[in-house]
């Protein structure tokens, strides 16, 4: 390909096709038969006149073909649509009794065990660690768990003072 800057776009494309064909050892594709910019200029110049009736008939014909094709597409889509059943997700409970059973607070005796239990519960249930649609529920679960752990910790401290 030369460096001649007075060439048009079509001849540059022809050179690219020839260079590609030589690299691939296949025959070059045909050149562009006309200059697209000249055609665009001609269309915008106003020298090309088209009768309104001809435009309207082309538009009606195209819209009829479009509507028929669109109807066929919708009919084929109706056959392809398969009802997708989402599995019901088991949501974690926010019931204080269920959370207390999950925490197993009766087995914990030492203050350090309460802290470990709080961290373990937070690791699995913290709102930042769950899916976005479960964040509100996780926040409630964390509040209930913290309340239950604090109550159990106070009871254990009172029991150890006696």
N, C-alpha and C. Protein backbone atom coordinates (compact mmCIF):
# COMPACT_ATOMS: atom_id res chain seq x y z
N UNK A 1 0.85 -1.16 0.00
CA UNK A 1 0.00 0.00 0.00
C UNK A 1 0.89 1.23 0.00
N UNK A 2 0.59 2.16 -0.85
CA UNK A 2 1.42 3.34 -0.98
C UNK A 2 1.03 4.42 0.03
N UNK A 3 1.75 5.51 -0.06
CA UNK A 3 1.48 6.62 0.86
C UNK A 3 0.83 7.78 0.14
N UNK A 4 0.24 7.55 -1.01
CA UNK A 4 -0.42 8.60 -1.77
C UNK A 4 -1.65 9.08 -0.99
N UNK A 5 -1.69 10.35 -0.65
CA UNK A 5 -2.79 10.88 0.17
C UNK A 5 -3.95 11.38 -0.66
N UNK A 6 -3.87 11.37 -1.98
CA UNK A 6 -4.95 11.86 -2.83
C UNK A 6 -5.91 10.76 -3.24
N UNK A 7 -5.80 9.63 -2.66
CA UNK A 7 -6.66 8.50 -3.04
C UNK A 7 -7.96 8.52 -2.26
N UNK A 8 -8.99 7.93 -2.84
CA UNK A 8 -10.26 7.88 -2.14
C UNK A 8 -10.35 6.65 -1.23
N UNK A 9 -11.37 6.62 -0.43
CA UNK A 9 -11.54 5.58 0.58
C UNK A 9 -11.71 4.20 -0.06
N UNK A 10 -12.42 4.13 -1.17
CA UNK A 10 -12.66 2.84 -1.83
C UNK A 10 -11.35 2.21 -2.30
N UNK A 11 -10.42 3.02 -2.83
CA UNK A 11 -9.15 2.45 -3.29
C UNK A 11 -8.31 1.99 -2.10
N UNK A 12 -8.40 2.70 -0.99
CA UNK A 12 -7.69 2.24 0.21
C UNK A 12 -8.24 0.91 0.69
N UNK A 13 -9.57 0.76 0.65
CA UNK A 13 -10.16 -0.52 1.03
C UNK A 13 -9.74 -1.63 0.08
N UNK A 14 -9.67 -1.32 -1.22
CA UNK A 14 -9.20 -2.32 -2.19
C UNK A 14 -7.80 -2.78 -1.84
N UNK A 15 -6.93 -1.85 -1.49
CA UNK A 15 -5.56 -2.21 -1.12
C UNK A 15 -5.54 -3.09 0.12
N UNK A 16 -6.41 -2.79 1.07
CA UNK A 16 -6.48 -3.63 2.28
C UNK A 16 -6.96 -5.03 1.97
N UNK A 17 -7.97 -5.14 1.08
CA UNK A 17 -8.46 -6.46 0.70
C UNK A 17 -7.37 -7.27 0.00
N UNK A 18 -6.62 -6.61 -0.88
CA UNK A 18 -5.55 -7.30 -1.61
C UNK A 18 -4.46 -7.75 -0.63
N UNK A 19 -4.08 -6.88 0.30
CA UNK A 19 -3.05 -7.24 1.28
C UNK A 19 -3.52 -8.39 2.15
N UNK A 20 -4.78 -8.39 2.54
CA UNK A 20 -5.31 -9.48 3.35
C UNK A 20 -5.36 -10.77 2.56
N UNK A 21 -5.78 -10.67 1.30
CA UNK A 21 -5.86 -11.86 0.46
C UNK A 21 -4.48 -12.47 0.25
N UNK A 22 -3.46 -11.63 0.08
CA UNK A 22 -2.10 -12.14 -0.10
C UNK A 22 -1.63 -12.83 1.18
N UNK A 23 -2.01 -12.32 2.32
CA UNK A 23 -1.61 -12.93 3.58
C UNK A 23 -2.34 -14.24 3.80
N UNK A 24 -3.58 -14.34 3.34
CA UNK A 24 -4.38 -15.54 3.54
C UNK A 24 -4.35 -16.48 2.34
N UNK A 25 -3.71 -16.11 1.27
CA UNK A 25 -3.66 -16.90 0.04
C UNK A 25 -5.05 -17.21 -0.50
N UNK A 26 -5.94 -16.21 -0.46
CA UNK A 26 -7.27 -16.37 -1.04
C UNK A 26 -7.51 -15.21 -1.99
N UNK A 27 -8.42 -15.38 -2.95
CA UNK A 27 -8.65 -14.31 -3.92
C UNK A 27 -9.23 -13.08 -3.23
N UNK A 28 -8.88 -11.88 -3.71
CA UNK A 28 -9.39 -10.66 -3.08
C UNK A 28 -10.89 -10.51 -3.32
N UNK A 29 -11.54 -9.86 -2.40
CA UNK A 29 -12.97 -9.59 -2.54
C UNK A 29 -13.15 -8.45 -3.53
N UNK A 30 -14.32 -8.36 -4.14
CA UNK A 30 -14.53 -7.30 -5.14
C UNK A 30 -14.46 -5.92 -4.50
N UNK A 31 -14.07 -4.98 -5.33
CA UNK A 31 -13.94 -3.60 -4.83
C UNK A 31 -15.32 -2.97 -4.72
N UNK A 32 -15.38 -1.87 -4.02
CA UNK A 32 -16.63 -1.14 -3.86
C UNK A 32 -16.92 -0.46 -5.21
N UNK A 33 -18.09 -0.69 -5.79
CA UNK A 33 -18.36 -0.20 -7.14
C UNK A 33 -18.63 1.30 -7.21
N UNK A 34 -18.87 1.98 -6.12
CA UNK A 34 -19.14 3.41 -6.20
C UNK A 34 -18.67 4.09 -4.92
N UNK A 35 -18.63 5.38 -4.97
CA UNK A 35 -18.17 6.18 -3.85
C UNK A 35 -19.38 6.51 -2.96
N UNK A 36 -19.37 6.00 -1.73
CA UNK A 36 -20.49 6.21 -0.83
C UNK A 36 -20.70 7.69 -0.49
N UNK A 37 -19.62 8.44 -0.37
CA UNK A 37 -19.76 9.86 -0.04
C UNK A 37 -20.46 10.62 -1.17
N UNK A 38 -20.14 10.26 -2.40
CA UNK A 38 -20.79 10.92 -3.52
C UNK A 38 -22.28 10.60 -3.54
N UNK A 39 -22.65 9.39 -3.21
CA UNK A 39 -24.06 9.01 -3.18
C UNK A 39 -24.77 9.77 -2.06
N UNK A 40 -24.13 9.86 -0.89
CA UNK A 40 -24.74 10.60 0.22
C UNK A 40 -24.91 12.07 -0.15
N UNK A 41 -23.91 12.66 -0.79
CA UNK A 41 -24.03 14.06 -1.23
C UNK A 41 -25.19 14.22 -2.20
N UNK A 42 -25.33 13.29 -3.11
CA UNK A 42 -26.41 13.35 -4.10
C UNK A 42 -27.78 13.26 -3.42
N UNK A 43 -27.90 12.39 -2.41
CA UNK A 43 -29.17 12.24 -1.71
C UNK A 43 -29.54 13.51 -0.95
N UNK A 44 -28.57 14.13 -0.33
CA UNK A 44 -28.83 15.33 0.46
C UNK A 44 -28.93 16.60 -0.40
N UNK A 45 -28.51 16.51 -1.64
CA UNK A 45 -28.52 17.71 -2.49
C UNK A 45 -29.92 18.16 -2.86
N UNK A 46 -30.87 17.27 -2.86
CA UNK A 46 -32.22 17.62 -3.23
C UNK A 46 -32.49 17.41 -4.71
N UNK A 47 -31.50 16.98 -5.45
CA UNK A 47 -31.70 16.77 -6.88
C UNK A 47 -32.47 15.48 -7.15
N UNK A 48 -32.50 14.56 -6.19
CA UNK A 48 -33.25 13.31 -6.35
C UNK A 48 -34.65 13.54 -5.80
N UNK A 49 -35.63 13.36 -6.65
CA UNK A 49 -37.02 13.56 -6.26
C UNK A 49 -37.73 12.21 -6.25
N UNK A 50 -38.48 11.98 -5.18
CA UNK A 50 -39.26 10.74 -5.07
C UNK A 50 -40.70 11.15 -4.80
N UNK A 51 -41.62 10.55 -5.54
CA UNK A 51 -43.04 10.88 -5.38
C UNK A 51 -43.52 10.42 -4.02
N UNK A 52 -44.39 11.21 -3.40
CA UNK A 52 -44.92 10.89 -2.08
C UNK A 52 -45.69 9.57 -2.10
N UNK A 53 -46.38 9.30 -3.23
CA UNK A 53 -47.14 8.05 -3.31
C UNK A 53 -46.20 6.84 -3.30
N UNK A 54 -45.06 6.97 -3.95
CA UNK A 54 -44.10 5.87 -3.99
C UNK A 54 -43.52 5.62 -2.59
N UNK A 55 -43.23 6.70 -1.87
CA UNK A 55 -42.71 6.56 -0.52
C UNK A 55 -43.76 5.92 0.38
N UNK A 56 -45.01 6.38 0.27
CA UNK A 56 -46.09 5.85 1.10
C UNK A 56 -46.32 4.37 0.82
N UNK A 57 -46.29 3.97 -0.46
CA UNK A 57 -46.51 2.55 -0.77
C UNK A 57 -45.36 1.69 -0.26
N UNK A 58 -44.11 2.19 -0.39
CA UNK A 58 -42.97 1.45 0.16
C UNK A 58 -43.09 1.31 1.68
N UNK A 59 -43.53 2.38 2.32
CA UNK A 59 -43.68 2.36 3.77
C UNK A 59 -44.75 1.35 4.19
N UNK A 60 -45.91 1.38 3.48
CA UNK A 60 -46.97 0.42 3.81
C UNK A 60 -46.52 -1.01 3.60
N UNK A 61 -45.82 -1.26 2.49
CA UNK A 61 -45.34 -2.61 2.19
C UNK A 61 -44.34 -3.08 3.25
N UNK A 62 -43.44 -2.18 3.62
CA UNK A 62 -42.45 -2.54 4.64
C UNK A 62 -43.11 -2.80 5.98
N UNK A 63 -44.13 -1.98 6.33
CA UNK A 63 -44.79 -2.18 7.62
C UNK A 63 -45.60 -3.46 7.62
N UNK A 64 -46.21 -3.83 6.48
CA UNK A 64 -46.94 -5.09 6.41
C UNK A 64 -45.98 -6.26 6.58
N UNK A 65 -44.84 -6.20 5.92
CA UNK A 65 -43.85 -7.27 6.06
C UNK A 65 -43.31 -7.32 7.49
N UNK A 66 -43.13 -6.14 8.08
CA UNK A 66 -42.63 -6.09 9.44
C UNK A 66 -43.63 -6.71 10.40
N UNK A 67 -44.91 -6.33 10.25
CA UNK A 67 -45.94 -6.85 11.15
C UNK A 67 -46.07 -8.36 11.01
N UNK A 68 -46.01 -8.87 9.79
CA UNK A 68 -46.11 -10.31 9.59
C UNK A 68 -44.89 -11.02 10.19
N UNK A 69 -43.72 -10.45 9.97
CA UNK A 69 -42.51 -11.05 10.53
C UNK A 69 -42.49 -10.99 12.04
N UNK A 70 -42.98 -9.88 12.59
CA UNK A 70 -43.02 -9.73 14.04
C UNK A 70 -44.02 -10.70 14.65
N UNK A 71 -45.15 -10.89 14.01
CA UNK A 71 -46.15 -11.84 14.50
C UNK A 71 -45.59 -13.26 14.47
N UNK A 72 -44.85 -13.60 13.41
CA UNK A 72 -44.24 -14.92 13.34
C UNK A 72 -43.19 -15.10 14.43
N UNK A 73 -42.44 -14.04 14.69
CA UNK A 73 -41.44 -14.10 15.75
C UNK A 73 -42.09 -14.31 17.10
N UNK A 74 -43.17 -13.59 17.37
CA UNK A 74 -43.88 -13.76 18.64
C UNK A 74 -44.45 -15.16 18.78
N UNK A 75 -44.96 -15.71 17.68
CA UNK A 75 -45.51 -17.06 17.71
C UNK A 75 -44.41 -18.08 18.03
N UNK A 76 -43.23 -17.88 17.45
CA UNK A 76 -42.14 -18.82 17.73
C UNK A 76 -41.64 -18.64 19.16
N UNK A 77 -41.71 -17.41 19.69
CA UNK A 77 -41.28 -17.20 21.07
C UNK A 77 -42.24 -17.85 22.05
N UNK A 78 -43.53 -17.85 21.73
CA UNK A 78 -44.51 -18.49 22.60
C UNK A 78 -44.22 -19.97 22.75
N UNK A 79 -43.71 -20.58 21.70
CA UNK A 79 -43.36 -22.00 21.77
C UNK A 79 -42.12 -22.22 22.62
N UNK A 80 -41.22 -21.23 22.62
CA UNK A 80 -39.96 -21.38 23.34
C UNK A 80 -40.06 -21.04 24.82
N UNK A 81 -41.07 -20.26 25.18
CA UNK A 81 -41.18 -19.84 26.57
C UNK A 81 -41.52 -21.04 27.44
N UNK A 82 -40.64 -21.29 28.37
CA UNK A 82 -40.85 -22.38 29.31
C UNK A 82 -41.02 -21.74 30.68
N UNK A 83 -42.05 -22.14 31.35
CA UNK A 83 -42.28 -21.55 32.66
C UNK A 83 -41.17 -21.97 33.60
N UNK A 84 -40.49 -20.97 34.10
CA UNK A 84 -39.36 -21.22 35.00
C UNK A 84 -39.85 -21.05 36.42
N UNK A 85 -39.73 -22.09 37.18
CA UNK A 85 -40.18 -22.05 38.56
C UNK A 85 -38.96 -21.82 39.43
N UNK A 86 -38.99 -20.71 40.14
CA UNK A 86 -37.90 -20.40 41.06
C UNK A 86 -38.08 -21.22 42.33
N UNK A 87 -37.02 -21.85 42.79
CA UNK A 87 -37.15 -22.59 44.04
C UNK A 87 -37.40 -21.62 45.19
N UNK A 88 -38.25 -22.03 46.07
CA UNK A 88 -38.54 -21.20 47.23
C UNK A 88 -37.32 -21.20 48.15
N UNK A 89 -36.87 -20.03 48.47
CA UNK A 89 -35.69 -19.89 49.31
C UNK A 89 -36.10 -19.97 50.77
N UNK A 90 -35.39 -20.78 51.53
CA UNK A 90 -35.64 -20.85 52.96
C UNK A 90 -34.99 -19.65 53.60
N UNK A 91 -35.82 -18.72 54.05
CA UNK A 91 -35.31 -17.51 54.66
C UNK A 91 -34.93 -17.79 56.11
N UNK A 92 -33.82 -17.22 56.55
CA UNK A 92 -33.44 -17.41 57.95
C UNK A 92 -34.50 -16.78 58.86
N UNK A 93 -34.76 -17.44 59.95
CA UNK A 93 -35.80 -17.00 60.86
C UNK A 93 -35.35 -15.77 61.65
N UNK A 94 -36.32 -14.90 61.96
CA UNK A 94 -36.07 -13.75 62.82
C UNK A 94 -36.73 -13.96 64.18
N UNK A 95 -37.29 -15.13 64.40
CA UNK A 95 -37.93 -15.46 65.66
C UNK A 95 -36.87 -15.59 66.75
N UNK A 96 -37.00 -14.87 67.86
CA UNK A 96 -35.98 -14.94 68.92
C UNK A 96 -35.74 -16.34 69.45
N UNK A 97 -36.80 -17.15 69.52
CA UNK A 97 -36.62 -18.52 70.02
C UNK A 97 -35.79 -19.35 69.04
N UNK A 98 -36.03 -19.19 67.76
CA UNK A 98 -35.26 -19.93 66.76
C UNK A 98 -33.80 -19.48 66.77
N UNK A 99 -33.56 -18.19 66.94
CA UNK A 99 -32.19 -17.68 66.98
C UNK A 99 -31.49 -18.17 68.24
N UNK A 100 -32.23 -18.22 69.36
CA UNK A 100 -31.65 -18.73 70.60
C UNK A 100 -31.26 -20.20 70.45
N UNK A 101 -32.11 -20.98 69.78
CA UNK A 101 -31.76 -22.40 69.54
C UNK A 101 -30.53 -22.49 68.64
N UNK A 102 -30.47 -21.62 67.64
CA UNK A 102 -29.33 -21.61 66.73
C UNK A 102 -28.04 -21.23 67.48
N UNK A 103 -28.13 -20.30 68.40
CA UNK A 103 -26.96 -19.88 69.18
C UNK A 103 -26.55 -20.91 70.22
N UNK A 104 -27.51 -21.71 70.71
CA UNK A 104 -27.27 -22.72 71.75
C UNK A 104 -26.63 -22.04 72.98
N UNK A 105 -27.31 -21.05 73.51
CA UNK A 105 -26.80 -20.25 74.61
C UNK A 105 -26.67 -21.03 75.92
N UNK A 106 -27.40 -22.12 76.06
CA UNK A 106 -27.33 -22.88 77.32
C UNK A 106 -25.99 -23.57 77.49
N UNK A 107 -25.29 -23.83 76.38
CA UNK A 107 -24.00 -24.53 76.46
C UNK A 107 -22.85 -23.60 76.78
N UNK A 108 -23.07 -22.28 76.70
CA UNK A 108 -22.00 -21.31 76.89
C UNK A 108 -21.95 -20.89 78.35
N UNK A 109 -20.75 -20.91 78.95
CA UNK A 109 -20.59 -20.53 80.36
C UNK A 109 -19.64 -19.36 80.56
N UNK A 110 -18.53 -19.30 79.82
CA UNK A 110 -17.51 -18.27 80.05
C UNK A 110 -17.78 -17.04 79.19
N UNK A 111 -17.29 -15.90 79.64
CA UNK A 111 -17.45 -14.63 78.93
C UNK A 111 -16.80 -14.68 77.56
N UNK A 112 -15.64 -15.33 77.47
CA UNK A 112 -14.94 -15.44 76.18
C UNK A 112 -15.76 -16.28 75.20
N UNK A 113 -16.49 -17.25 75.71
CA UNK A 113 -17.33 -18.07 74.83
C UNK A 113 -18.47 -17.25 74.22
N UNK A 114 -19.01 -16.30 75.01
CA UNK A 114 -20.05 -15.42 74.46
C UNK A 114 -19.50 -14.56 73.32
N UNK A 115 -18.29 -14.06 73.50
CA UNK A 115 -17.66 -13.25 72.46
C UNK A 115 -17.40 -14.08 71.20
N UNK A 116 -16.93 -15.31 71.39
CA UNK A 116 -16.69 -16.20 70.25
C UNK A 116 -18.00 -16.51 69.54
N UNK A 117 -19.06 -16.77 70.33
CA UNK A 117 -20.37 -17.07 69.76
C UNK A 117 -20.89 -15.87 68.96
N UNK A 118 -20.70 -14.66 69.47
CA UNK A 118 -21.14 -13.45 68.77
C UNK A 118 -20.39 -13.30 67.44
N UNK A 119 -19.08 -13.51 67.45
CA UNK A 119 -18.28 -13.39 66.22
C UNK A 119 -18.67 -14.46 65.20
N UNK A 120 -18.88 -15.68 65.69
CA UNK A 120 -19.26 -16.77 64.77
C UNK A 120 -20.62 -16.49 64.14
N UNK A 121 -21.57 -16.03 64.95
CA UNK A 121 -22.89 -15.72 64.41
C UNK A 121 -22.80 -14.57 63.40
N UNK A 122 -22.01 -13.55 63.73
CA UNK A 122 -21.85 -12.40 62.83
C UNK A 122 -21.16 -12.82 61.53
N UNK A 123 -20.22 -13.75 61.62
CA UNK A 123 -19.53 -14.21 60.41
C UNK A 123 -20.52 -14.79 59.42
N UNK A 124 -21.52 -15.51 59.90
CA UNK A 124 -22.47 -16.16 59.00
C UNK A 124 -23.70 -15.32 58.69
N UNK A 125 -24.00 -14.31 59.53
CA UNK A 125 -25.28 -13.61 59.39
C UNK A 125 -25.17 -12.11 59.26
N UNK A 126 -24.01 -11.55 59.21
CA UNK A 126 -23.88 -10.10 59.15
C UNK A 126 -24.47 -9.57 57.84
N UNK A 127 -25.16 -8.42 57.89
CA UNK A 127 -25.79 -7.87 56.67
C UNK A 127 -24.81 -7.63 55.52
N UNK A 128 -23.56 -7.35 55.82
CA UNK A 128 -22.59 -7.12 54.75
C UNK A 128 -22.14 -8.41 54.08
N UNK A 129 -22.47 -9.55 54.67
CA UNK A 129 -22.01 -10.83 54.15
C UNK A 129 -23.11 -11.64 53.49
N UNK A 130 -24.33 -11.10 53.41
CA UNK A 130 -25.44 -11.84 52.81
C UNK A 130 -25.87 -11.16 51.51
N UNK A 131 -26.73 -11.84 50.79
CA UNK A 131 -27.24 -11.31 49.52
C UNK A 131 -28.04 -10.03 49.79
N UNK A 132 -28.07 -9.12 48.83
CA UNK A 132 -28.76 -7.84 49.04
C UNK A 132 -30.22 -7.98 49.46
N UNK A 133 -30.92 -8.97 48.93
CA UNK A 133 -32.34 -9.10 49.29
C UNK A 133 -32.53 -9.64 50.70
N UNK A 134 -31.47 -10.11 51.35
CA UNK A 134 -31.57 -10.64 52.71
C UNK A 134 -30.98 -9.69 53.76
N UNK A 135 -30.54 -8.52 53.35
CA UNK A 135 -29.83 -7.63 54.27
C UNK A 135 -30.71 -7.13 55.42
N UNK A 136 -31.93 -6.77 55.13
CA UNK A 136 -32.83 -6.28 56.19
C UNK A 136 -33.08 -7.39 57.21
N UNK A 137 -33.30 -8.58 56.72
CA UNK A 137 -33.54 -9.72 57.61
C UNK A 137 -32.28 -10.02 58.42
N UNK A 138 -31.12 -9.93 57.82
CA UNK A 138 -29.87 -10.19 58.53
C UNK A 138 -29.64 -9.15 59.62
N UNK A 139 -30.02 -7.92 59.34
CA UNK A 139 -29.85 -6.87 60.35
C UNK A 139 -30.72 -7.17 61.58
N UNK A 140 -31.95 -7.60 61.34
CA UNK A 140 -32.84 -7.95 62.45
C UNK A 140 -32.29 -9.15 63.19
N UNK A 141 -31.80 -10.14 62.46
CA UNK A 141 -31.23 -11.33 63.12
C UNK A 141 -30.04 -10.95 63.99
N UNK A 142 -29.18 -10.07 63.50
CA UNK A 142 -28.01 -9.65 64.29
C UNK A 142 -28.45 -8.91 65.55
N UNK A 143 -29.45 -8.05 65.44
CA UNK A 143 -29.93 -7.31 66.61
C UNK A 143 -30.51 -8.25 67.65
N UNK A 144 -31.30 -9.22 67.20
CA UNK A 144 -31.89 -10.18 68.13
C UNK A 144 -30.80 -11.04 68.76
N UNK A 145 -29.85 -11.51 67.97
CA UNK A 145 -28.78 -12.34 68.50
C UNK A 145 -27.94 -11.57 69.51
N UNK A 146 -27.61 -10.31 69.19
CA UNK A 146 -26.84 -9.50 70.14
C UNK A 146 -27.61 -9.31 71.44
N UNK A 147 -28.90 -9.08 71.35
CA UNK A 147 -29.72 -8.91 72.55
C UNK A 147 -29.73 -10.21 73.37
N UNK A 148 -29.92 -11.33 72.70
CA UNK A 148 -29.94 -12.62 73.41
C UNK A 148 -28.59 -12.93 74.05
N UNK A 149 -27.51 -12.66 73.34
CA UNK A 149 -26.17 -12.93 73.88
C UNK A 149 -25.90 -12.02 75.08
N UNK A 150 -26.29 -10.75 74.98
CA UNK A 150 -26.08 -9.82 76.10
C UNK A 150 -26.87 -10.26 77.32
N UNK A 151 -28.12 -10.67 77.11
CA UNK A 151 -28.94 -11.15 78.24
C UNK A 151 -28.32 -12.40 78.86
N UNK A 152 -27.88 -13.33 78.03
CA UNK A 152 -27.28 -14.56 78.55
C UNK A 152 -25.98 -14.25 79.28
N UNK A 153 -25.23 -13.30 78.79
CA UNK A 153 -23.97 -12.90 79.42
C UNK A 153 -24.23 -12.28 80.80
N UNK A 154 -25.27 -11.43 80.89
CA UNK A 154 -25.63 -10.83 82.19
C UNK A 154 -26.10 -11.90 83.17
N UNK A 155 -26.91 -12.83 82.69
CA UNK A 155 -27.37 -13.91 83.56
C UNK A 155 -26.21 -14.76 84.05
N UNK A 156 -25.26 -15.04 83.15
CA UNK A 156 -24.10 -15.84 83.54
C UNK A 156 -23.24 -15.09 84.56
N UNK A 157 -23.12 -13.77 84.42
CA UNK A 157 -22.33 -12.95 85.37
C UNK A 157 -23.02 -12.95 86.73
N UNK A 158 -24.35 -12.84 86.75
CA UNK A 158 -25.09 -12.86 88.03
C UNK A 158 -24.95 -14.21 88.70
N UNK A 159 -25.04 -15.26 87.88
CA UNK A 159 -24.95 -16.63 88.44
C UNK A 159 -23.57 -16.89 89.01
N UNK A 160 -22.52 -16.36 88.42
CA UNK A 160 -21.17 -16.58 88.92
C UNK A 160 -20.89 -15.78 90.18
N UNK A 161 -21.60 -14.66 90.42
CA UNK A 161 -21.44 -13.86 91.64
C UNK A 161 -22.08 -14.53 92.84
N UNK A 162 -23.05 -15.36 92.63
CA UNK A 162 -23.77 -16.01 93.75
C UNK A 162 -22.95 -17.06 94.36
